Amino acid sequence: MESDYLTATLGRTGLKVGRLGLAGSYGAPARAYESAFERGCNYFYSGSGRRRSQMKQAVQNLVTQGHRDKMVISIQTYARMGMMTEFFFKNALSSMGIDHADILMLGWHNSPPSSRLMDFALSMKEKGLARFIGMSGHNRKLFKDLARDNRFDLFQIRYNPAHRGAEKDCFSAFETDTPPGLVTYTATRWGHLLQQKHMPKKESPLLARDCYRFSLSRPQVNICLCGPKDEGQMAHALTALEKGPLSPEEMERITRIGSYVHDHQKGFFI
């Protein structure tokens, strides 16, 4: 699997991607996404949320400028019925001014998708609506089992300094000769890792860019998603590319803080 700190091959899809991915649900303006694309960030992820219009506008602008073949566009749907999956997916395509996406992401599955849903997803692939099929969820051990299922081309997995269970539960599935792609999300643990009130005594909070660097320092990870809400946050996220992999000292500090946050800020996800 070809990979370095800045670029990677997205598993067995063969797609060439910048390793800092762009999520579109948080409100950054279109020009911020276009600027990030100029820096090599070509993975555009349209998930849930109502604040996706600006990223969609950026996609339209870049497509109009002739950049579609350099872009990797992932559209997630939470629908459990095949007809609704295709309906929402086509709506998303239309809103971006494109006729197909690179990835159909089946969202939030903590057990294997039904056979009927998978059949419909495969039919959408056959129609040319999507080139590849991915799945996201929070049951990390499930990914290890499904990684052997060639119907899935990539997976989207929660991973950050406070949630490191993927290292034990499923990263080995992405160390084969022809692994599925691996995209990670919630790099800042919903912002907890950036807040002083959640820190151990005498520790400063982490910077968002260092949370991204934490994931990008793992060779199994093809893409770490960022979700900026404004141009300033996008500019900050892009500094993760300049800083490069974490040093051993930085890794030790970040994992120590992550363990503290995990142990002291309990929530639904562990």
C-alpha atoms as a PDB file:
ATOM      1  CA  MET A   1       0.000   0.000   0.000  1.00  0.00           C
ATOM      2  CA  GLU A   2       1.545   3.288  -1.140  1.00  0.00           C
ATOM      3  CA  SER A   3       1.524   5.893   1.617  1.00  0.00           C
ATOM      4  CA  ASP A   4       3.524   8.758   3.057  1.00  0.00           C
ATOM      5  CA  TYR A   5       2.670  11.569   5.437  1.00  0.00           C
ATOM      6  CA  LEU A   6       0.991  13.816   2.849  1.00  0.00           C
ATOM      7  CA  THR A   7      -0.513  11.410   0.313  1.00  0.00           C
ATOM      8  CA  ALA A   8      -1.779   7.850   0.205  1.00  0.00           C
ATOM      9  CA  THR A   9      -3.468   5.271  -1.957  1.00  0.00           C
ATOM     10  CA  LEU A  10      -6.926   4.738  -0.474  1.00  0.00           C
ATOM     11  CA  GLY A  11      -6.603   1.027   0.087  1.00  0.00           C
ATOM     12  CA  ARG A  12      -7.765  -1.255  -2.672  1.00  0.00           C
ATOM     13  CA  THR A  13      -9.725   1.532  -4.365  1.00  0.00           C
ATOM     14  CA  GLY A  14      -6.446   2.672  -5.896  1.00  0.00           C
ATOM     15  CA  LEU A  15      -7.528   6.303  -5.506  1.00  0.00           C
ATOM     16  CA  LYS A  16      -4.754   8.811  -4.788  1.00  0.00           C
ATOM     17  CA  VAL A  17      -5.702  11.061  -1.884  1.00  0.00           C
ATOM     18  CA  GLY A  18      -4.331  13.814   0.285  1.00  0.00           C
ATOM     19  CA  ARG A  19      -4.300  12.429   3.806  1.00  0.00           C
ATOM     20  CA  LEU A  20      -6.138  15.343   5.412  1.00  0.00           C
ATOM     21  CA  GLY A  21      -9.765  14.900   4.379  1.00  0.00           C
ATOM     22  CA  LEU A  22     -12.442  17.593   4.347  1.00  0.00           C
ATOM     23  CA  ALA A  23     -15.817  17.130   6.043  1.00  0.00           C
ATOM     24  CA  GLY A  24     -18.577  19.508   5.039  1.00  0.00           C
ATOM     25  CA  SER A  25     -21.014  19.702   7.951  1.00  0.00           C
ATOM     26  CA  TYR A  26     -19.471  22.420  10.090  1.00  0.00           C
ATOM     27  CA  GLY A  27     -19.795  25.701   8.204  1.00  0.00           C
ATOM     28  CA  ALA A  28     -16.449  26.712   6.654  1.00  0.00           C
ATOM     29  CA  PRO A  29     -17.004  28.829   3.509  1.00  0.00           C
ATOM     30  CA  ALA A  30     -16.513  27.474   0.005  1.00  0.00           C
ATOM     31  CA  ARG A  31     -13.288  29.424  -0.491  1.00  0.00           C
ATOM     32  CA  ALA A  32     -11.742  27.611   2.491  1.00  0.00           C
ATOM     33  CA  TYR A  33     -12.370  24.235   0.850  1.00  0.00           C
ATOM     34  CA  GLU A  34     -11.018  25.483  -2.460  1.00  0.00           C
ATOM     35  CA  SER A  35      -7.877  26.737  -0.725  1.00  0.00           C
ATOM     36  CA  ALA A  36      -7.432  23.356   0.964  1.00  0.00           C
ATOM     37  CA  PHE A  37      -7.803  21.621  -2.407  1.00  0.00           C
ATOM     38  CA  GLU A  38      -4.953  23.750  -3.723  1.00  0.00           C
ATOM     39  CA  ARG A  39      -2.872  22.355  -0.842  1.00  0.00           C
ATOM     40  CA  GLY A  40      -3.554  18.768  -1.902  1.00  0.00           C
ATOM     41  CA  CYS A  41      -6.676  18.010   0.152  1.00  0.00           C
ATOM     42  CA  ASN A  42      -8.800  16.293  -2.491  1.00  0.00           C
ATOM     43  CA  TYR A  43     -11.080  14.061  -0.340  1.00  0.00           C
ATOM     44  CA  PHE A  44     -14.490  15.697   0.116  1.00  0.00           C
ATOM     45  CA  TYR A  45     -16.862  13.975   2.554  1.00  0.00           C
ATOM     46  CA  SER A  46     -20.541  14.914   2.656  1.00  0.00           C
ATOM     47  CA  GLY A  47     -22.084  13.400   5.767  1.00  0.00           C
ATOM     48  CA  SER A  48     -24.894  14.480   8.063  1.00  0.00           C
ATOM     49  CA  GLY A  49     -25.710  18.003   9.227  1.00  0.00           C
ATOM     50  CA  ARG A  50     -27.360  21.034   7.697  1.00  0.00           C
ATOM     51  CA  ARG A  51     -24.253  23.136   7.095  1.00  0.00           C
ATOM     52  CA  ARG A  52     -22.972  21.353   4.003  1.00  0.00           C
ATOM     53  CA  SER A  53     -23.964  23.912   1.407  1.00  0.00           C
ATOM     54  CA  GLN A  54     -20.603  25.681   1.364  1.00  0.00           C
ATOM     55  CA  MET A  55     -18.609  22.508   0.732  1.00  0.00           C
ATOM     56  CA  LYS A  56     -21.090  21.540  -1.962  1.00  0.00           C
ATOM     57  CA  GLN A  57     -20.594  24.952  -3.536  1.00  0.00           C
ATOM     58  CA  ALA A  58     -16.830  24.422  -3.436  1.00  0.00           C
ATOM     59  CA  VAL A  59     -17.261  21.057  -5.166  1.00  0.00           C
ATOM     60  CA  GLN A  60     -19.385  22.694  -7.874  1.00  0.00           C
ATOM     61  CA  ASN A  61     -16.802  25.429  -8.350  1.00  0.00           C
ATOM     62  CA  LEU A  62     -13.898  22.988  -8.616  1.00  0.00           C
ATOM     63  CA  VAL A  63     -15.801  20.725 -11.011  1.00  0.00           C
ATOM     64  CA  THR A  64     -16.620  23.733 -13.197  1.00  0.00           C
ATOM     65  CA  GLN A  65     -12.917  24.597 -13.219  1.00  0.00           C
ATOM     66  CA  GLY A  66     -12.132  21.139 -14.601  1.00  0.00           C
ATOM     67  CA  HIS A  67     -10.807  19.447 -11.457  1.00  0.00           C
ATOM     68  CA  ARG A  68     -13.298  16.560 -11.136  1.00  0.00           C
ATOM     69  CA  ASP A  69     -10.759  13.876 -12.058  1.00  0.00           C
ATOM     70  CA  LYS A  70      -8.488  15.058  -9.225  1.00  0.00           C
ATOM     71  CA  MET A  71     -11.245  14.985  -6.599  1.00  0.00           C
ATOM     72  CA  VAL A  72     -12.435  12.075  -4.457  1.00  0.00           C
ATOM     73  CA  ILE A  73     -16.039  12.670  -3.375  1.00  0.00           C
ATOM     74  CA  SER A  74     -17.657  10.566  -0.647  1.00  0.00           C
ATOM     75  CA  ILE A  75     -21.378  10.803   0.109  1.00  0.00           C
ATOM     76  CA  GLN A  76     -22.766   9.179   3.233  1.00  0.00           C
ATOM     77  CA  THR A  77     -26.351   8.077   3.735  1.00  0.00           C
ATOM     78  CA  TYR A  78     -27.922   6.736   6.902  1.00  0.00           C
ATOM     79  CA  ALA A  79     -30.908   5.232   5.100  1.00  0.00           C
ATOM     80  CA  ARG A  80     -31.570   1.553   5.793  1.00  0.00           C
ATOM     81  CA  MET A  81     -33.834   0.971   2.809  1.00  0.00           C
ATOM     82  CA  GLY A  82     -32.327   0.678  -0.646  1.00  0.00           C
ATOM     83  CA  MET A  83     -34.764   3.002  -2.407  1.00  0.00           C
ATOM     84  CA  MET A  84     -34.242   5.745   0.189  1.00  0.00           C
ATOM     85  CA  THR A  85     -30.475   5.267  -0.002  1.00  0.00           C
ATOM     86  CA  GLU A  86     -30.553   5.911  -3.735  1.00  0.00           C
ATOM     87  CA  PHE A  87     -33.000   8.805  -3.339  1.00  0.00           C
ATOM     88  CA  PHE A  88     -30.847  10.689  -0.822  1.00  0.00           C
ATOM     89  CA  PHE A  89     -27.674   9.841  -2.725  1.00  0.00           C
ATOM     90  CA  LYS A  90     -29.023  11.218  -6.004  1.00  0.00           C
ATOM     91  CA  ASN A  91     -30.183  14.371  -4.224  1.00  0.00           C
ATOM     92  CA  ALA A  92     -26.654  14.879  -2.905  1.00  0.00           C
ATOM     93  CA  LEU A  93     -25.201  14.356  -6.379  1.00  0.00           C
ATOM     94  CA  SER A  94     -27.587  16.902  -7.842  1.00  0.00           C
ATOM     95  CA  SER A  95     -26.744  19.465  -5.150  1.00  0.00           C
ATOM     96  CA  MET A  96     -23.062  19.180  -6.082  1.00  0.00           C
ATOM     97  CA  GLY A  97     -23.637  19.305  -9.816  1.00  0.00           C
ATOM     98  CA  ILE A  98     -22.116  15.876 -10.456  1.00  0.00           C
ATOM     99  CA  ASP A  99     -23.472  12.655 -11.951  1.00  0.00           C
ATOM    100  CA  HIS A 100     -21.558  10.217  -9.745  1.00  0.00           C
ATOM    101  CA  ALA A 101     -19.557  10.076  -6.535  1.00  0.00           C
ATOM    102  CA  ASP A 102     -16.416   8.105  -5.934  1.00  0.00           C
ATOM    103  CA  ILE A 103     -17.729   6.581  -2.718  1.00  0.00           C
ATOM    104  CA  LEU A 104     -21.137   5.566  -1.402  1.00  0.00           C
ATOM    105  CA  MET A 105     -20.637   5.552   2.383  1.00  0.00           C
ATOM    106  CA  LEU A 106     -23.183   3.468   4.299  1.00  0.00           C
ATOM    107  CA  GLY A 107     -23.454   5.399   7.549  1.00  0.00           C
ATOM    108  CA  TRP A 108     -23.437   4.249  11.162  1.00  0.00           C
ATOM    109  CA  HIS A 109     -23.680   0.472  10.914  1.00  0.00           C
ATOM    110  CA  ASN A 110     -22.721  -1.340  14.105  1.00  0.00           C
ATOM    111  CA  SER A 111     -23.755  -4.688  12.625  1.00  0.00           C
ATOM    112  CA  PRO A 112     -23.429  -5.887   9.030  1.00  0.00           C
ATOM    113  CA  PRO A 113     -25.781  -4.051   6.631  1.00  0.00           C
ATOM    114  CA  SER A 114     -28.733  -6.130   5.514  1.00  0.00           C
ATOM    115  CA  SER A 115     -28.359  -8.219   2.392  1.00  0.00           C
ATOM    116  CA  ARG A 116     -31.111  -6.179   0.733  1.00  0.00           C
ATOM    117  CA  LEU A 117     -29.284  -2.915   1.422  1.00  0.00           C
ATOM    118  CA  MET A 118     -26.016  -4.358   0.139  1.00  0.00           C
ATOM    119  CA  ASP A 119     -27.699  -5.615  -3.026  1.00  0.00           C
ATOM    120  CA  PHE A 120     -29.083  -2.142  -3.630  1.00  0.00           C
ATOM    121  CA  ALA A 121     -25.709  -0.530  -2.940  1.00  0.00           C
ATOM    122  CA  LEU A 122     -24.076  -2.874  -5.440  1.00  0.00           C
ATOM    123  CA  SER A 123     -26.749  -2.046  -8.000  1.00  0.00           C
ATOM    124  CA  MET A 124     -25.983   1.659  -7.531  1.00  0.00           C
ATOM    125  CA  LYS A 125     -22.340   0.849  -8.199  1.00  0.00           C
ATOM    126  CA  GLU A 126     -23.306  -1.061 -11.347  1.00  0.00           C
ATOM    127  CA  LYS A 127     -25.359   1.940 -12.522  1.00  0.00           C
ATOM    128  CA  GLY A 128     -22.297   4.148 -12.204  1.00  0.00           C
ATOM    129  CA  LEU A 129     -23.699   6.299  -9.384  1.00  0.00           C
ATOM    130  CA  ALA A 130     -20.713   5.406  -7.189  1.00  0.00           C
ATOM    131  CA  ARG A 131     -17.393   3.753  -7.921  1.00  0.00           C
ATOM    132  CA  PHE A 132     -16.781   2.227  -4.488  1.00  0.00           C
ATOM    133  CA  ILE A 133     -18.697   1.246  -1.342  1.00  0.00           C
ATOM    134  CA  GLY A 134     -17.642   2.192   2.175  1.00  0.00           C
ATOM    135  CA  MET A 135     -19.118   1.803   5.643  1.00  0.00           C
ATOM    136  CA  SER A 136     -18.870   3.779   8.870  1.00  0.00           C
ATOM    137  CA  GLY A 137     -19.748   2.766  12.398  1.00  0.00           C
ATOM    138  CA  HIS A 138     -18.603   2.502  15.990  1.00  0.00           C
ATOM    139  CA  ASN A 139     -18.293  -1.281  16.420  1.00  0.00           C
ATOM    140  CA  ARG A 140     -14.554  -1.485  15.793  1.00  0.00           C
ATOM    141  CA  LYS A 141     -14.309  -5.273  15.889  1.00  0.00           C
ATOM    142  CA  LEU A 142     -16.867  -5.528  13.096  1.00  0.00           C
ATOM    143  CA  PHE A 143     -14.489  -3.790  10.683  1.00  0.00           C
ATOM    144  CA  LYS A 144     -11.905  -6.521  11.111  1.00  0.00           C
ATOM    145  CA  ASP A 145     -14.454  -9.131  10.023  1.00  0.00           C
ATOM    146  CA  LEU A 146     -15.867  -7.108   7.125  1.00  0.00           C
ATOM    147  CA  ALA A 147     -12.417  -6.160   5.818  1.00  0.00           C
ATOM    148  CA  ARG A 148     -12.342  -9.621   4.209  1.00  0.00           C
ATOM    149  CA  ASP A 149     -15.616  -8.901   2.379  1.00  0.00           C
ATOM    150  CA  ASN A 150     -14.645  -7.570  -1.038  1.00  0.00           C
ATOM    151  CA  ARG A 151     -17.979  -5.798  -1.421  1.00  0.00           C
ATOM    152  CA  PHE A 152     -16.539  -3.124   0.905  1.00  0.00           C
ATOM    153  CA  ASP A 153     -13.730  -0.970  -0.441  1.00  0.00           C
ATOM    154  CA  LEU A 154     -13.093   1.225   2.595  1.00  0.00           C
ATOM    155  CA  PHE A 155     -14.167   1.916   6.157  1.00  0.00           C
ATOM    156  CA  GLN A 156     -14.617   5.053   8.230  1.00  0.00           C
ATOM    157  CA  ILE A 157     -13.587   4.537  11.856  1.00  0.00           C
ATOM    158  CA  ARG A 158     -13.562   6.652  15.020  1.00  0.00           C
ATOM    159  CA  TYR A 159      -9.963   7.145  16.154  1.00  0.00           C
ATOM    160  CA  ASN A 160      -8.264   9.797  18.272  1.00  0.00           C
ATOM    161  CA  PRO A 161      -5.884  10.037  21.257  1.00  0.00           C
ATOM    162  CA  ALA A 162      -8.734   9.241  23.661  1.00  0.00           C
ATOM    163  CA  HIS A 163     -10.262   6.477  21.502  1.00  0.00           C
ATOM    164  CA  ARG A 164      -7.349   4.249  20.526  1.00  0.00           C
ATOM    165  CA  GLY A 165      -9.186   0.929  20.616  1.00  0.00           C
ATOM    166  CA  ALA A 166      -8.963   0.586  16.831  1.00  0.00           C
ATOM    167  CA  GLU A 167      -5.240  -0.078  17.217  1.00  0.00           C
ATOM    168  CA  LYS A 168      -6.057  -3.330  19.001  1.00  0.00           C
ATOM    169  CA  ASP A 169      -9.448  -4.157  17.534  1.00  0.00           C
ATOM    170  CA  CYS A 170      -9.030  -3.694  13.798  1.00  0.00           C
ATOM    171  CA  PHE A 171      -5.846  -2.001  12.546  1.00  0.00           C
ATOM    172  CA  SER A 172      -4.299  -5.346  11.695  1.00  0.00           C
ATOM    173  CA  ALA A 173      -6.954  -5.742   8.965  1.00  0.00           C
ATOM    174  CA  PHE A 174      -5.385  -2.741   7.217  1.00  0.00           C
ATOM    175  CA  GLU A 175      -1.861  -4.167   7.198  1.00  0.00           C
ATOM    176  CA  THR A 176      -2.355  -6.753   4.439  1.00  0.00           C
ATOM    177  CA  ASP A 177      -1.108  -6.583   0.853  1.00  0.00           C
ATOM    178  CA  THR A 178      -4.495  -5.416  -0.460  1.00  0.00           C
ATOM    179  CA  PRO A 179      -6.290  -3.769   2.470  1.00  0.00           C
ATOM    180  CA  PRO A 180      -9.502  -1.773   2.300  1.00  0.00           C
ATOM    181  CA  GLY A 181      -9.104   1.976   2.689  1.00  0.00           C
ATOM    182  CA  LEU A 182      -9.151   3.495   6.165  1.00  0.00           C
ATOM    183  CA  VAL A 183     -10.611   6.931   6.957  1.00  0.00           C
ATOM    184  CA  THR A 184     -10.653   8.169  10.567  1.00  0.00           C
ATOM    185  CA  TYR A 185     -12.931  10.754  12.150  1.00  0.00           C
ATOM    186  CA  THR A 186     -13.646  12.556  15.477  1.00  0.00           C
ATOM    187  CA  ALA A 187      -9.932  13.428  15.687  1.00  0.00           C
ATOM    188  CA  THR A 188     -10.509  15.951  18.509  1.00  0.00           C
ATOM    189  CA  ARG A 189     -13.003  13.741  20.367  1.00  0.00           C
ATOM    190  CA  TRP A 190     -15.800  16.253  19.719  1.00  0.00           C
ATOM    191  CA  GLY A 191     -13.535  19.055  20.932  1.00  0.00           C
ATOM    192  CA  HIS A 192     -12.842  17.592  24.382  1.00  0.00           C
ATOM    193  CA  LEU A 193      -9.115  17.273  23.654  1.00  0.00           C
ATOM    194  CA  LEU A 194      -8.969  21.002  22.907  1.00  0.00           C
ATOM    195  CA  GLN A 195     -10.586  22.216  26.149  1.00  0.00           C
ATOM    196  CA  GLN A 196      -8.639  23.158  29.272  1.00  0.00           C
ATOM    197  CA  LYS A 197     -11.407  21.933  31.596  1.00  0.00           C
ATOM    198  CA  HIS A 198     -10.823  18.364  30.411  1.00  0.00           C
ATOM    199  CA  MET A 199      -7.033  18.383  30.864  1.00  0.00           C
ATOM    200  CA  PRO A 200      -4.934  16.797  33.598  1.00  0.00           C
ATOM    201  CA  LYS A 201      -3.439  19.245  36.096  1.00  0.00           C
ATOM    202  CA  LYS A 202      -0.590  21.371  34.710  1.00  0.00           C
ATOM    203  CA  GLU A 203      -1.296  20.295  31.124  1.00  0.00           C
ATOM    204  CA  SER A 204      -2.318  22.593  28.293  1.00  0.00           C
ATOM    205  CA  PRO A 205      -5.037  21.384  25.908  1.00  0.00           C
ATOM    206  CA  LEU A 206      -4.060  19.845  22.603  1.00  0.00           C
ATOM    207  CA  LEU A 207      -4.171  21.768  19.355  1.00  0.00           C
ATOM    208  CA  ALA A 208      -6.511  20.469  16.660  1.00  0.00           C
ATOM    209  CA  ARG A 209      -3.621  20.109  14.222  1.00  0.00           C
ATOM    210  CA  ASP A 210      -1.834  17.794  16.651  1.00  0.00           C
ATOM    211  CA  CYS A 211      -4.938  15.625  16.936  1.00  0.00           C
ATOM    212  CA  TYR A 212      -4.876  15.329  13.140  1.00  0.00           C
ATOM    213  CA  ARG A 213      -1.143  14.592  13.229  1.00  0.00           C
ATOM    214  CA  PHE A 214      -1.841  11.818  15.739  1.00  0.00           C
ATOM    215  CA  SER A 215      -3.905   9.958  13.140  1.00  0.00           C
ATOM    216  CA  LEU A 216      -1.677  10.895  10.212  1.00  0.00           C
ATOM    217  CA  SER A 217       1.325   9.470  12.066  1.00  0.00           C
ATOM    218  CA  ARG A 218      -0.247   5.992  11.779  1.00  0.00           C
ATOM    219  CA  PRO A 219       0.664   4.292   8.474  1.00  0.00           C
ATOM    220  CA  GLN A 220      -2.576   2.265   8.502  1.00  0.00           C
ATOM    221  CA  VAL A 221      -4.614   5.476   8.261  1.00  0.00           C
ATOM    222  CA  ASN A 222      -5.100   6.732   4.704  1.00  0.00           C
ATOM    223  CA  ILE A 223      -7.182   9.810   5.579  1.00  0.00           C
ATOM    224  CA  CYS A 224      -7.947  11.771   8.744  1.00  0.00           C
ATOM    225  CA  LEU A 225     -11.045  13.943   8.420  1.00  0.00           C
ATOM    226  CA  CYS A 226     -11.160  17.521   9.658  1.00  0.00           C
ATOM    227  CA  GLY A 227     -14.346  19.547  10.045  1.00  0.00           C
ATOM    228  CA  PRO A 228     -13.537  23.274  10.183  1.00  0.00           C
ATOM    229  CA  LYS A 229     -16.259  25.791  10.940  1.00  0.00           C
ATOM    230  CA  ASP A 230     -14.482  28.829   9.456  1.00  0.00           C
ATOM    231  CA  GLU A 231     -11.455  29.904   7.444  1.00  0.00           C
ATOM    232  CA  GLY A 232      -9.292  30.227  10.542  1.00  0.00           C
ATOM    233  CA  GLN A 233      -9.930  26.639  11.563  1.00  0.00           C
ATOM    234  CA  MET A 234      -9.215  25.460   8.019  1.00  0.00           C
ATOM    235  CA  ALA A 235      -5.928  27.357   7.957  1.00  0.00           C
ATOM    236  CA  HIS A 236      -5.009  25.838  11.316  1.00  0.00           C
ATOM    237  CA  ALA A 237      -5.897  22.317  10.141  1.00  0.00           C
ATOM    238  CA  LEU A 238      -3.626  22.712   7.120  1.00  0.00           C
ATOM    239  CA  THR A 239      -0.650  23.379   9.402  1.00  0.00           C
ATOM    240  CA  ALA A 240      -0.862  19.677  10.321  1.00  0.00           C
ATOM    241  CA  LEU A 241       0.550  19.014   6.864  1.00  0.00           C
ATOM    242  CA  GLU A 242       3.504  21.332   7.454  1.00  0.00           C
ATOM    243  CA  LYS A 243       4.357  19.991  10.917  1.00  0.00           C
ATOM    244  CA  GLY A 244       4.691  16.371   9.793  1.00  0.00           C
ATOM    245  CA  PRO A 245       4.504  13.228  11.942  1.00  0.00           C
ATOM    246  CA  LEU A 246       4.566  13.462  15.714  1.00  0.00           C
ATOM    247  CA  SER A 247       7.902  13.115  17.461  1.00  0.00           C
ATOM    248  CA  PRO A 248       8.159  10.368  20.128  1.00  0.00           C
ATOM    249  CA  GLU A 249       7.919  13.060  22.811  1.00  0.00           C
ATOM    250  CA  GLU A 250       4.805  14.575  21.244  1.00  0.00           C
ATOM    251  CA  MET A 251       3.232  11.133  20.858  1.00  0.00           C
ATOM    252  CA  GLU A 252       3.879  10.314  24.514  1.00  0.00           C
ATOM    253  CA  ARG A 253       2.269  13.544  25.717  1.00  0.00           C
ATOM    254  CA  ILE A 254      -0.729  13.282  23.414  1.00  0.00           C
ATOM    255  CA  THR A 255      -1.500   9.661  24.287  1.00  0.00           C
ATOM    256  CA  ARG A 256      -1.110  10.464  28.005  1.00  0.00           C
ATOM    257  CA  ILE A 257      -3.626  13.287  27.723  1.00  0.00           C
ATOM    258  CA  GLY A 258      -5.888  11.111  25.587  1.00  0.00           C
ATOM    259  CA  SER A 259      -5.904   8.389  28.222  1.00  0.00           C
ATOM    260  CA  TYR A 260      -6.805  10.922  30.901  1.00  0.00           C
ATOM    261  CA  VAL A 261      -9.682  12.334  28.845  1.00  0.00           C
ATOM    262  CA  HIS A 262     -10.931   8.819  28.094  1.00  0.00           C
ATOM    263  CA  ASP A 263     -10.902   7.876  31.773  1.00  0.00           C
ATOM    264  CA  HIS A 264     -12.402  11.095  33.144  1.00  0.00           C
ATOM    265  CA  GLN A 265     -14.869  12.185  30.455  1.00  0.00           C
ATOM    266  CA  LYS A 266     -17.107   9.200  30.059  1.00  0.00           C
ATOM    267  CA  GLY A 267     -19.712   9.200  27.344  1.00  0.00           C
ATOM    268  CA  PHE A 268     -21.673   6.947  25.069  1.00  0.00           C
ATOM    269  CA  PHE A 269     -18.592   5.990  23.069  1.00  0.00           C
ATOM    270  CA  ILE A 270     -15.496   4.378  24.579  1.00  0.00           C
END
